[in-house]
mmCIF file of all heavy atoms, coordinates in Angstrom:
data_MODEL
# 
_entry.id   MODEL 
# 
loop_
_atom_site.group_PDB 
_atom_site.id 
_atom_site.type_symbol 
_atom_site.label_atom_id 
_atom_site.label_alt_id 
_atom_site.label_comp_id 
_atom_site.label_asym_id 
_atom_site.label_entity_id 
_atom_site.label_seq_id 
_atom_site.pdbx_PDB_ins_code 
_atom_site.Cartn_x 
_atom_site.Cartn_y 
_atom_site.Cartn_z 
_atom_site.occupancy 
_atom_site.B_iso_or_equiv 
_atom_site.pdbx_formal_charge 
_atom_site.auth_seq_id 
_atom_site.auth_comp_id 
_atom_site.auth_asym_id 
_atom_site.auth_atom_id 
_atom_site.pdbx_PDB_model_num 
ATOM 1   N N   . GLY A 1 1  ? -84.572 29.146 82.791  1.00 0.00 ? 1  GLY A N   1 
ATOM 2   C CA  . GLY A 1 1  ? -84.460 30.279 83.665  1.00 0.00 ? 1  GLY A CA  1 
ATOM 3   C C   . GLY A 1 1  ? -85.695 30.490 84.535  1.00 0.00 ? 1  GLY A C   1 
ATOM 4   O O   . GLY A 1 1  ? -85.601 30.900 85.659  1.00 0.00 ? 1  GLY A O   1 
ATOM 5   N N   . ARG A 1 2  ? -86.859 30.197 84.004  1.00 0.00 ? 2  ARG A N   1 
ATOM 6   C CA  . ARG A 1 2  ? -88.094 30.281 84.768  1.00 0.00 ? 2  ARG A CA  1 
ATOM 7   C C   . ARG A 1 2  ? -88.052 29.307 85.960  1.00 0.00 ? 2  ARG A C   1 
ATOM 8   O O   . ARG A 1 2  ? -88.410 29.638 87.079  1.00 0.00 ? 2  ARG A O   1 
ATOM 9   C CB  . ARG A 1 2  ? -89.282 29.991 83.890  1.00 0.00 ? 2  ARG A CB  1 
ATOM 10  C CG  . ARG A 1 2  ? -90.604 30.012 84.671  1.00 0.00 ? 2  ARG A CG  1 
ATOM 11  C CD  . ARG A 1 2  ? -91.755 29.545 83.770  1.00 0.00 ? 2  ARG A CD  1 
ATOM 12  N NE  . ARG A 1 2  ? -92.032 30.519 82.712  1.00 0.00 ? 2  ARG A NE  1 
ATOM 13  C CZ  . ARG A 1 2  ? -92.795 31.575 82.862  1.00 0.00 ? 2  ARG A CZ  1 
ATOM 14  N NH1 . ARG A 1 2  ? -93.403 31.809 84.071  1.00 0.00 ? 2  ARG A NH1 1 
ATOM 15  N NH2 . ARG A 1 2  ? -93.017 32.436 81.897  1.00 0.00 ? 2  ARG A NH2 1 
ATOM 16  N N   . GLU A 1 3  ? -87.586 28.099 85.703  1.00 0.00 ? 3  GLU A N   1 
ATOM 17  C CA  . GLU A 1 3  ? -87.477 27.101 86.756  1.00 0.00 ? 3  GLU A CA  1 
ATOM 18  C C   . GLU A 1 3  ? -86.527 27.589 87.862  1.00 0.00 ? 3  GLU A C   1 
ATOM 19  O O   . GLU A 1 3  ? -86.774 27.440 89.061  1.00 0.00 ? 3  GLU A O   1 
ATOM 20  C CB  . GLU A 1 3  ? -87.027 25.764 86.199  1.00 0.00 ? 3  GLU A CB  1 
ATOM 21  C CG  . GLU A 1 3  ? -88.062 25.139 85.292  1.00 0.00 ? 3  GLU A CG  1 
ATOM 22  C CD  . GLU A 1 3  ? -87.584 23.790 84.735  1.00 0.00 ? 3  GLU A CD  1 
ATOM 23  O OE1 . GLU A 1 3  ? -86.471 23.336 85.152  1.00 0.00 ? 3  GLU A OE1 1 
ATOM 24  O OE2 . GLU A 1 3  ? -88.281 23.164 83.933  1.00 0.00 ? 3  GLU A OE2 1 
ATOM 25  N N   . LEU A 1 4  ? -85.378 28.113 87.448  1.00 0.00 ? 4  LEU A N   1 
ATOM 26  C CA  . LEU A 1 4  ? -84.416 28.654 88.443  1.00 0.00 ? 4  LEU A CA  1 
ATOM 27  C C   . LEU A 1 4  ? -85.004 29.793 89.237  1.00 0.00 ? 4  LEU A C   1 
ATOM 28  O O   . LEU A 1 4  ? -84.788 29.906 90.460  1.00 0.00 ? 4  LEU A O   1 
ATOM 29  C CB  . LEU A 1 4  ? -83.135 29.101 87.730  1.00 0.00 ? 4  LEU A CB  1 
ATOM 30  C CG  . LEU A 1 4  ? -82.249 27.999 87.136  1.00 0.00 ? 4  LEU A CG  1 
ATOM 31  C CD1 . LEU A 1 4  ? -81.156 28.619 86.253  1.00 0.00 ? 4  LEU A CD1 1 
ATOM 32  C CD2 . LEU A 1 4  ? -81.642 27.173 88.225  1.00 0.00 ? 4  LEU A CD2 1 
ATOM 33  N N   . TYR A 1 5  ? -85.739 30.668 88.536  1.00 0.00 ? 5  TYR A N   1 
ATOM 34  C CA  . TYR A 1 5  ? -86.339 31.818 89.194  1.00 0.00 ? 5  TYR A CA  1 
ATOM 35  C C   . TYR A 1 5  ? -87.368 31.353 90.225  1.00 0.00 ? 5  TYR A C   1 
ATOM 36  O O   . TYR A 1 5  ? -87.412 31.831 91.341  1.00 0.00 ? 5  TYR A O   1 
ATOM 37  C CB  . TYR A 1 5  ? -87.015 32.702 88.141  1.00 0.00 ? 5  TYR A CB  1 
ATOM 38  C CG  . TYR A 1 5  ? -87.666 33.893 88.757  1.00 0.00 ? 5  TYR A CG  1 
ATOM 39  C CD1 . TYR A 1 5  ? -87.007 35.085 89.022  1.00 0.00 ? 5  TYR A CD1 1 
ATOM 40  C CD2 . TYR A 1 5  ? -89.040 33.909 89.071  1.00 0.00 ? 5  TYR A CD2 1 
ATOM 41  C CE1 . TYR A 1 5  ? -87.627 36.188 89.547  1.00 0.00 ? 5  TYR A CE1 1 
ATOM 42  C CE2 . TYR A 1 5  ? -89.675 34.980 89.614  1.00 0.00 ? 5  TYR A CE2 1 
ATOM 43  C CZ  . TYR A 1 5  ? -88.943 36.147 89.854  1.00 0.00 ? 5  TYR A CZ  1 
ATOM 44  O OH  . TYR A 1 5  ? -89.559 37.195 90.400  1.00 0.00 ? 5  TYR A OH  1 
ATOM 45  N N   . GLU A 1 6  ? -88.206 30.405 89.822  1.00 0.00 ? 6  GLU A N   1 
ATOM 46  C CA  . GLU A 1 6  ? -89.273 29.948 90.749  1.00 0.00 ? 6  GLU A CA  1 
ATOM 47  C C   . GLU A 1 6  ? -88.678 29.167 91.942  1.00 0.00 ? 6  GLU A C   1 
ATOM 48  O O   . GLU A 1 6  ? -89.278 29.100 93.022  1.00 0.00 ? 6  GLU A O   1 
ATOM 49  C CB  . GLU A 1 6  ? -90.260 29.055 89.996  1.00 0.00 ? 6  GLU A CB  1 
ATOM 50  C CG  . GLU A 1 6  ? -91.044 29.820 88.983  1.00 0.00 ? 6  GLU A CG  1 
ATOM 51  C CD  . GLU A 1 6  ? -91.960 28.949 88.129  1.00 0.00 ? 6  GLU A CD  1 
ATOM 52  O OE1 . GLU A 1 6  ? -91.786 27.705 88.212  1.00 0.00 ? 6  GLU A OE1 1 
ATOM 53  O OE2 . GLU A 1 6  ? -92.823 29.461 87.396  1.00 0.00 ? 6  GLU A OE2 1 
ATOM 54  N N   . ARG A 1 7  ? -87.484 28.661 91.792  1.00 0.00 ? 7  ARG A N   1 
ATOM 55  C CA  . ARG A 1 7  ? -86.865 27.872 92.882  1.00 0.00 ? 7  ARG A CA  1 
ATOM 56  C C   . ARG A 1 7  ? -86.032 28.812 93.817  1.00 0.00 ? 7  ARG A C   1 
ATOM 57  O O   . ARG A 1 7  ? -86.011 28.605 95.000  1.00 0.00 ? 7  ARG A O   1 
ATOM 58  C CB  . ARG A 1 7  ? -85.935 26.807 92.305  1.00 0.00 ? 7  ARG A CB  1 
ATOM 59  C CG  . ARG A 1 7  ? -85.306 25.918 93.351  1.00 0.00 ? 7  ARG A CG  1 
ATOM 60  C CD  . ARG A 1 7  ? -84.650 24.726 92.750  1.00 0.00 ? 7  ARG A CD  1 
ATOM 61  N NE  . ARG A 1 7  ? -83.471 25.074 91.961  1.00 0.00 ? 7  ARG A NE  1 
ATOM 62  C CZ  . ARG A 1 7  ? -83.317 24.875 90.683  1.00 0.00 ? 7  ARG A CZ  1 
ATOM 63  N NH1 . ARG A 1 7  ? -84.282 24.378 89.957  1.00 0.00 ? 7  ARG A NH1 1 
ATOM 64  N NH2 . ARG A 1 7  ? -82.209 25.199 90.042  1.00 0.00 ? 7  ARG A NH2 1 
ATOM 65  N N   . SER A 1 8  ? -85.428 29.894 93.228  1.00 0.00 ? 8  SER A N   1 
ATOM 66  C CA  . SER A 1 8  ? -84.477 30.644 94.043  1.00 0.00 ? 8  SER A CA  1 
ATOM 67  C C   . SER A 1 8  ? -84.825 32.144 94.213  1.00 0.00 ? 8  SER A C   1 
ATOM 68  O O   . SER A 1 8  ? -84.236 32.758 95.090  1.00 0.00 ? 8  SER A O   1 
ATOM 69  C CB  . SER A 1 8  ? -83.072 30.566 93.386  1.00 0.00 ? 8  SER A CB  1 
ATOM 70  O OG  . SER A 1 8  ? -82.648 29.208 93.274  1.00 0.00 ? 8  SER A OG  1 
ATOM 71  N N   . CYS A 1 9  ? -85.721 32.700 93.418  1.00 0.00 ? 9  CYS A N   1 
ATOM 72  C CA  . CYS A 1 9  ? -85.917 34.135 93.422  1.00 0.00 ? 9  CYS A CA  1 
ATOM 73  C C   . CYS A 1 9  ? -87.339 34.604 93.706  1.00 0.00 ? 9  CYS A C   1 
ATOM 74  O O   . CYS A 1 9  ? -87.551 35.733 94.099  1.00 0.00 ? 9  CYS A O   1 
ATOM 75  C CB  . CYS A 1 9  ? -85.495 34.729 92.073  1.00 0.00 ? 9  CYS A CB  1 
ATOM 76  S SG  . CYS A 1 9  ? -83.927 34.086 91.396  1.00 0.00 ? 9  CYS A SG  1 
ATOM 77  N N   . ILE A 1 10 ? -88.320 33.692 93.443  1.00 0.00 ? 10 ILE A N   1 
ATOM 78  C CA  . ILE A 1 10 ? -89.708 34.116 93.475  1.00 0.00 ? 10 ILE A CA  1 
ATOM 79  C C   . ILE A 1 10 ? -90.165 34.617 94.828  1.00 0.00 ? 10 ILE A C   1 
ATOM 80  O O   . ILE A 1 10 ? -91.057 35.462 94.934  1.00 0.00 ? 10 ILE A O   1 
ATOM 81  C CB  . ILE A 1 10 ? -90.606 32.963 92.954  1.00 0.00 ? 10 ILE A CB  1 
ATOM 82  C CG1 . ILE A 1 10 ? -92.013 33.479 92.635  1.00 0.00 ? 10 ILE A CG1 1 
ATOM 83  C CG2 . ILE A 1 10 ? -90.648 31.844 93.957  1.00 0.00 ? 10 ILE A CG2 1 
ATOM 84  C CD1 . ILE A 1 10 ? -92.842 32.426 91.930  1.00 0.00 ? 10 ILE A CD1 1 
ATOM 85  N N   . THR A 1 11 ? -89.570 34.079 95.906  1.00 0.00 ? 11 THR A N   1 
ATOM 86  C CA  . THR A 1 11 ? -90.011 34.481 97.250  1.00 0.00 ? 11 THR A CA  1 
ATOM 87  C C   . THR A 1 11 ? -89.813 35.945 97.487  1.00 0.00 ? 11 THR A C   1 
ATOM 88  O O   . THR A 1 11 ? -90.690 36.609 98.151  1.00 0.00 ? 11 THR A O   1 
ATOM 89  C CB  . THR A 1 11 ? -89.237 33.676 98.283  1.00 0.00 ? 11 THR A CB  1 
ATOM 90  O OG1 . THR A 1 11 ? -89.409 32.280 98.102  1.00 0.00 ? 11 THR A OG1 1 
ATOM 91  C CG2 . THR A 1 11 ? -89.686 34.033 99.710  1.00 0.00 ? 11 THR A CG2 1 
ATOM 92  N N   . CYS A 1 12 ? -88.748 36.513 97.017  1.00 0.00 ? 12 CYS A N   1 
ATOM 93  C CA  . CYS A 1 12 ? -88.447 37.939 97.245  1.00 0.00 ? 12 CYS A CA  1 
ATOM 94  C C   . CYS A 1 12 ? -88.900 38.831 96.078  1.00 0.00 ? 12 CYS A C   1 
ATOM 95  O O   . CYS A 1 12 ? -89.295 40.000 96.311  1.00 0.00 ? 12 CYS A O   1 
ATOM 96  C CB  . CYS A 1 12 ? -86.963 38.163 97.465  1.00 0.00 ? 12 CYS A CB  1 
ATOM 97  S SG  . CYS A 1 12 ? -86.330 37.367 98.966  1.00 0.00 ? 12 CYS A SG  1 
ATOM 98  N N   . HIS A 1 13 ? -88.836 38.333 94.847  1.00 0.00 ? 13 HIS A N   1 
ATOM 99  C CA  . HIS A 1 13 ? -89.100 39.177 93.728  1.00 0.00 ? 13 HIS A CA  1 
ATOM 100 C C   . HIS A 1 13 ? -90.455 38.994 93.081  1.00 0.00 ? 13 HIS A C   1 
ATOM 101 O O   . HIS A 1 13 ? -90.782 39.632 92.070  1.00 0.00 ? 13 HIS A O   1 
ATOM 102 C CB  . HIS A 1 13 ? -87.991 38.976 92.654  1.00 0.00 ? 13 HIS A CB  1 
ATOM 103 C CG  . HIS A 1 13 ? -86.672 39.443 93.127  1.00 0.00 ? 13 HIS A CG  1 
ATOM 104 N ND1 . HIS A 1 13 ? -86.357 40.775 93.313  1.00 0.00 ? 13 HIS A ND1 1 
ATOM 105 C CD2 . HIS A 1 13 ? -85.578 38.750 93.473  1.00 0.00 ? 13 HIS A CD2 1 
ATOM 106 C CE1 . HIS A 1 13 ? -85.077 40.869 93.734  1.00 0.00 ? 13 HIS A CE1 1 
ATOM 107 N NE2 . HIS A 1 13 ? -84.595 39.650 93.832  1.00 0.00 ? 13 HIS A NE2 1 
ATOM 108 N N   . GLY A 1 14 ? -91.314 38.115 93.635  1.00 0.00 ? 14 GLY A N   1 
ATOM 109 C CA  . GLY A 1 14 ? -92.670 37.988 93.164  1.00 0.00 ? 14 GLY A CA  1 
ATOM 110 C C   . GLY A 1 14 ? -92.857 37.043 91.986  1.00 0.00 ? 14 GLY A C   1 
ATOM 111 O O   . GLY A 1 14 ? -91.892 36.747 91.263  1.00 0.00 ? 14 GLY A O   1 
ATOM 112 N N   . GLU A 1 15 ? -94.096 36.647 91.798  1.00 0.00 ? 15 GLU A N   1 
ATOM 113 C CA  . GLU A 1 15 ? -94.377 35.659 90.748  1.00 0.00 ? 15 GLU A CA  1 
ATOM 114 C C   . GLU A 1 15 ? -94.194 36.231 89.359  1.00 0.00 ? 15 GLU A C   1 
ATOM 115 O O   . GLU A 1 15 ? -93.824 35.531 88.434  1.00 0.00 ? 15 GLU A O   1 
ATOM 116 C CB  . GLU A 1 15 ? -95.830 35.118 90.925  1.00 0.00 ? 15 GLU A CB  1 
ATOM 117 C CG  . GLU A 1 15 ? -96.212 34.099 89.925  1.00 0.00 ? 15 GLU A CG  1 
ATOM 118 C CD  . GLU A 1 15 ? -97.664 33.592 90.176  1.00 0.00 ? 15 GLU A CD  1 
ATOM 119 O OE1 . GLU A 1 15 ? -98.260 34.055 91.156  1.00 0.00 ? 15 GLU A OE1 1 
ATOM 120 O OE2 . GLU A 1 15 ? -98.105 32.735 89.425  1.00 0.00 ? 15 GLU A OE2 1 
ATOM 121 N N   . ASN A 1 16 ? -94.472 37.548 89.238  1.00 0.00 ? 16 ASN A N   1 
ATOM 122 C CA  . ASN A 1 16 ? -94.415 38.152 87.896  1.00 0.00 ? 16 ASN A CA  1 
ATOM 123 C C   . ASN A 1 16 ? -93.313 39.248 87.843  1.00 0.00 ? 16 ASN A C   1 
ATOM 124 O O   . ASN A 1 16 ? -93.475 40.241 87.130  1.00 0.00 ? 16 ASN A O   1 
ATOM 125 C CB  . ASN A 1 16 ? -95.766 38.784 87.523  1.00 0.00 ? 16 ASN A CB  1 
ATOM 126 C CG  . ASN A 1 16 ? -96.879 37.746 87.449  1.00 0.00 ? 16 ASN A CG  1 
ATOM 127 O OD1 . ASN A 1 16 ? -96.700 36.715 86.766  1.00 0.00 ? 16 ASN A OD1 1 
ATOM 128 N ND2 . ASN A 1 16 ? -97.977 37.976 88.078  1.00 0.00 ? 16 ASN A ND2 1 
ATOM 129 N N   . LEU A 1 17 ? -92.259 39.069 88.633  1.00 0.00 ? 17 LEU A N   1 
ATOM 130 C CA  . LEU A 1 17 ? -91.131 39.996 88.671  1.00 0.00 ? 17 LEU A CA  1 
ATOM 131 C C   . LEU A 1 17 ? -91.504 41.333 89.231  1.00 0.00 ? 17 LEU A C   1 
ATOM 132 O O   . LEU A 1 17 ? -90.739 42.283 89.171  1.00 0.00 ? 17 LEU A O   1 
ATOM 133 C CB  . LEU A 1 17 ? -90.543 40.225 87.274  1.00 0.00 ? 17 LEU A CB  1 
ATOM 134 C CG  . LEU A 1 17 ? -90.256 39.044 86.382  1.00 0.00 ? 17 LEU A CG  1 
ATOM 135 C CD1 . LEU A 1 17 ? -89.587 39.509 85.075  1.00 0.00 ? 17 LEU A CD1 1 
ATOM 136 C CD2 . LEU A 1 17 ? -89.392 38.011 87.051  1.00 0.00 ? 17 LEU A CD2 1 
ATOM 137 N N   . GLU A 1 18 ? -92.678 41.434 89.909  1.00 0.00 ? 18 GLU A N   1 
ATOM 138 C CA  . GLU A 1 18 ? -93.139 42.745 90.395  1.00 0.00 ? 18 GLU A CA  1 
ATOM 139 C C   . GLU A 1 18 ? -92.566 43.089 91.770  1.00 0.00 ? 18 GLU A C   1 
ATOM 140 O O   . GLU A 1 18 ? -92.769 44.214 92.232  1.00 0.00 ? 18 GLU A O   1 
ATOM 141 C CB  . GLU A 1 18 ? -94.678 42.741 90.492  1.00 0.00 ? 18 GLU A CB  1 
ATOM 142 C CG  . GLU A 1 18 ? -95.272 41.938 91.663  1.00 0.00 ? 18 GLU A CG  1 
ATOM 143 C CD  . GLU A 1 18 ? -95.411 40.459 91.414  1.00 0.00 ? 18 GLU A CD  1 
ATOM 144 O OE1 . GLU A 1 18 ? -94.826 40.019 90.385  1.00 0.00 ? 18 GLU A OE1 1 
ATOM 145 O OE2 . GLU A 1 18 ? -96.044 39.765 92.175  1.00 0.00 ? 18 GLU A OE2 1 
ATOM 146 N N   . GLY A 1 19 ? -91.819 42.189 92.400  1.00 0.00 ? 19 GLY A N   1 
ATOM 147 C CA  . GLY A 1 19 ? -91.195 42.475 93.659  1.00 0.00 ? 19 GLY A CA  1 
ATOM 148 C C   . GLY A 1 19 ? -92.191 42.190 94.839  1.00 0.00 ? 19 GLY A C   1 
ATOM 149 O O   . GLY A 1 19 ? -93.410 42.012 94.619  1.00 0.00 ? 19 GLY A O   1 
ATOM 150 N N   . GLU A 1 20 ? -91.609 42.158 96.028  1.00 0.00 ? 20 GLU A N   1 
ATOM 151 C CA  . GLU A 1 20 ? -92.418 41.933 97.222  1.00 0.00 ? 20 GLU A CA  1 
ATOM 152 C C   . GLU A 1 20 ? -92.053 42.999 98.263  1.00 0.00 ? 20 GLU A C   1 
ATOM 153 O O   . GLU A 1 20 ? -90.857 43.254 98.478  1.00 0.00 ? 20 GLU A O   1 
ATOM 154 C CB  . GLU A 1 20 ? -92.151 40.558 97.809  1.00 0.00 ? 20 GLU A CB  1 
ATOM 155 C CG  . GLU A 1 20 ? -92.644 39.415 96.932  1.00 0.00 ? 20 GLU A CG  1 
ATOM 156 C CD  . GLU A 1 20 ? -94.138 39.323 96.900  1.00 0.00 ? 20 GLU A CD  1 
ATOM 157 O OE1 . GLU A 1 20 ? -94.831 39.887 97.792  1.00 0.00 ? 20 GLU A OE1 1 
ATOM 158 O OE2 . GLU A 1 20 ? -94.722 38.683 95.973  1.00 0.00 ? 20 GLU A OE2 1 
ATOM 159 N N   . PRO A 1 21 ? -93.043 43.652 98.934  1.00 0.00 ? 21 PRO A N   1 
ATOM 160 C CA  . PRO A 1 21 ? -92.700 44.676 99.912  1.00 0.00 ? 21 PRO A CA  1 
ATOM 161 C C   . PRO A 1 21 ? -91.845 44.132 101.035 1.00 0.00 ? 21 PRO A C   1 
ATOM 162 O O   . PRO A 1 21 ? -92.066 43.060 101.560 1.00 0.00 ? 21 PRO A O   1 
ATOM 163 C CB  . PRO A 1 21 ? -94.136 45.064 100.444 1.00 0.00 ? 21 PRO A CB  1 
ATOM 164 C CG  . PRO A 1 21 ? -95.061 44.675 99.351  1.00 0.00 ? 21 PRO A CG  1 
ATOM 165 C CD  . PRO A 1 21 ? -94.480 43.469 98.710  1.00 0.00 ? 21 PRO A CD  1 
ATOM 166 N N   . ASN A 1 22 ? -90.812 44.914 101.327 1.00 0.00 ? 22 ASN A N   1 
ATOM 167 C CA  . ASN A 1 22 ? -89.864 44.576 102.409 1.00 0.00 ? 22 ASN A CA  1 
ATOM 168 C C   . ASN A 1 22 ? -89.090 43.319 102.189 1.00 0.00 ? 22 ASN A C   1 
ATOM 169 O O   . ASN A 1 22 ? -88.457 42.772 103.116 1.00 0.00 ? 22 ASN A O   1 
ATOM 170 C CB  . ASN A 1 22 ? -90.613 44.459 103.771 1.00 0.00 ? 22 ASN A CB  1 
ATOM 171 C CG  . ASN A 1 22 ? -91.355 45.753 104.131 1.00 0.00 ? 22 ASN A CG  1 
ATOM 172 O OD1 . ASN A 1 22 ? -90.850 46.846 103.908 1.00 0.00 ? 22 ASN A OD1 1 
ATOM 173 N ND2 . ASN A 1 22 ? -92.529 45.594 104.676 1.00 0.00 ? 22 ASN A ND2 1 
ATOM 174 N N   . ARG A 1 23 ? -89.119 42.830 100.969 1.00 0.00 ? 23 ARG A N   1 
ATOM 175 C CA  . ARG A 1 23 ? -88.350 41.620 100.626 1.00 0.00 ? 23 ARG A CA  1 
ATOM 176 C C   . ARG A 1 23 ? -87.412 41.863 99.469  1.00 0.00 ? 23 ARG A C   1 
ATOM 177 O O   . ARG A 1 23 ? -86.235 41.627 99.570  1.00 0.00 ? 23 ARG A O   1 
ATOM 178 C CB  . ARG A 1 23 ? -89.272 40.487 100.290 1.00 0.00 ? 23 ARG A CB  1 
ATOM 179 C CG  . ARG A 1 23 ? -89.989 39.862 101.503 1.00 0.00 ? 23 ARG A CG  1 
ATOM 180 C CD  . ARG A 1 23 ? -90.741 38.602 101.087 1.00 0.00 ? 23 ARG A CD  1 
ATOM 181 N NE  . ARG A 1 23 ? -91.472 38.048 102.210 1.00 0.00 ? 23 ARG A NE  1 
ATOM 182 C CZ  . ARG A 1 23 ? -92.224 36.928 102.111 1.00 0.00 ? 23 ARG A CZ  1 
ATOM 183 N NH1 . ARG A 1 23 ? -92.350 36.303 100.950 1.00 0.00 ? 23 ARG A NH1 1 
ATOM 184 N NH2 . ARG A 1 23 ? -92.847 36.430 103.169 1.00 0.00 ? 23 ARG A NH2 1 
ATOM 185 N N   . GLY A 1 24 ? -87.976 42.293 98.339  1.00 0.00 ? 24 GLY A N   1 
ATOM 186 C CA  . GLY A 1 24 ? -87.109 42.433 97.195  1.00 0.00 ? 24 GLY A CA  1 
ATOM 187 C C   . GLY A 1 24 ? -87.734 43.388 96.199  1.00 0.00 ? 24 GLY A C   1 
ATOM 188 O O   . GLY A 1 24 ? -88.995 43.476 96.093  1.00 0.00 ? 24 GLY A O   1 
ATOM 189 N N   . PRO A 1 25 ? -86.941 44.127 95.416  1.00 0.00 ? 25 PRO A N   1 
ATOM 190 C CA  . PRO A 1 25 ? -87.462 45.078 94.445  1.00 0.00 ? 25 PRO A CA  1 
ATOM 191 C C   . PRO A 1 25 ? -88.010 44.381 93.191  1.00 0.00 ? 25 PRO A C   1 
ATOM 192 O O   . PRO A 1 25 ? -87.786 43.207 92.935  1.00 0.00 ? 25 PRO A O   1 
ATOM 193 C CB  . PRO A 1 25 ? -86.267 45.949 94.115  1.00 0.00 ? 25 PRO A CB  1 
ATOM 194 C CG  . PRO A 1 25 ? -85.121 45.016 94.281  1.00 0.00 ? 25 PRO A CG  1 
ATOM 195 C CD  . PRO A 1 25 ? -85.493 44.120 95.441  1.00 0.00 ? 25 PRO A CD  1 
ATOM 196 N N   . SER A 1 26 ? -88.763 45.144 92.410  1.00 0.00 ? 26 SER A N   1 
ATOM 197 C CA  . SER A 1 26 ? -89.197 44.666 91.120  1.00 0.00 ? 26 SER A CA  1 
ATOM 198 C C   . SER A 1 26 ? -88.043 44.436 90.162  1.00 0.00 ? 26 SER A C   1 
ATOM 199 O O   . SER A 1 26 ? -87.056 45.211 90.185  1.00 0.00 ? 26 SER A O   1 
ATOM 200 C CB  . SER A 1 26 ? -90.202 45.697 90.522  1.00 0.00 ? 26 SER A CB  1 
ATOM 201 O OG  . SER A 1 26 ? -90.479 45.336 89.168  1.00 0.00 ? 26 SER A OG  1 
ATOM 202 N N   . LEU A 1 27 ? -88.159 43.431 89.365  1.00 0.00 ? 27 LEU A N   1 
ATOM 203 C CA  . LEU A 1 27 ? -87.122 43.173 88.319  1.00 0.00 ? 27 LEU A CA  1 
ATOM 204 C C   . LEU A 1 27 ? -87.566 43.601 86.935  1.00 0.00 ? 27 LEU A C   1 
ATOM 205 O O   . LEU A 1 27 ? -86.867 43.314 85.981  1.00 0.00 ? 27 LEU A O   1 
ATOM 206 C CB  . LEU A 1 27 ? -86.794 41.657 88.324  1.00 0.00 ? 27 LEU A CB  1 
ATOM 207 C CG  . LEU A 1 27 ? -86.215 41.085 89.650  1.00 0.00 ? 27 LEU A CG  1 
ATOM 208 C CD1 . LEU A 1 27 ? -85.878 39.620 89.468  1.00 0.00 ? 27 LEU A CD1 1 
ATOM 209 C CD2 . LEU A 1 27 ? -85.005 41.889 90.070  1.00 0.00 ? 27 LEU A CD2 1 
ATOM 210 N N   . ILE A 1 28 ? -88.698 44.272 86.865  1.00 0.00 ? 28 ILE A N   1 
ATOM 211 C CA  . ILE A 1 28 ? -89.169 44.746 85.567  1.00 0.00 ? 28 ILE A CA  1 
ATOM 212 C C   . ILE A 1 28 ? -88.295 45.949 85.146  1.00 0.00 ? 28 ILE A C   1 
ATOM 213 O O   . ILE A 1 28 ? -88.244 46.953 85.838  1.00 0.00 ? 28 ILE A O   1 
ATOM 214 C CB  . ILE A 1 28 ? -90.627 45.154 85.649  1.00 0.00 ? 28 ILE A CB  1 
ATOM 215 C CG1 . ILE A 1 28 ? -91.491 43.942 85.984  1.00 0.00 ? 28 ILE A CG1 1 
ATOM 216 C CG2 . ILE A 1 28 ? -91.112 45.787 84.331  1.00 0.00 ? 28 ILE A CG2 1 
ATOM 217 C CD1 . ILE A 1 28 ? -92.940 44.259 86.233  1.00 0.00 ? 28 ILE A CD1 1 
# 
């Protein structure tokens, strides 16, 4: 799941699930 996240989700949701401003919310 980490590999999938880093490939498909990390750009918007951040390296530590904290989210990115104007891109994606936190997943915590």
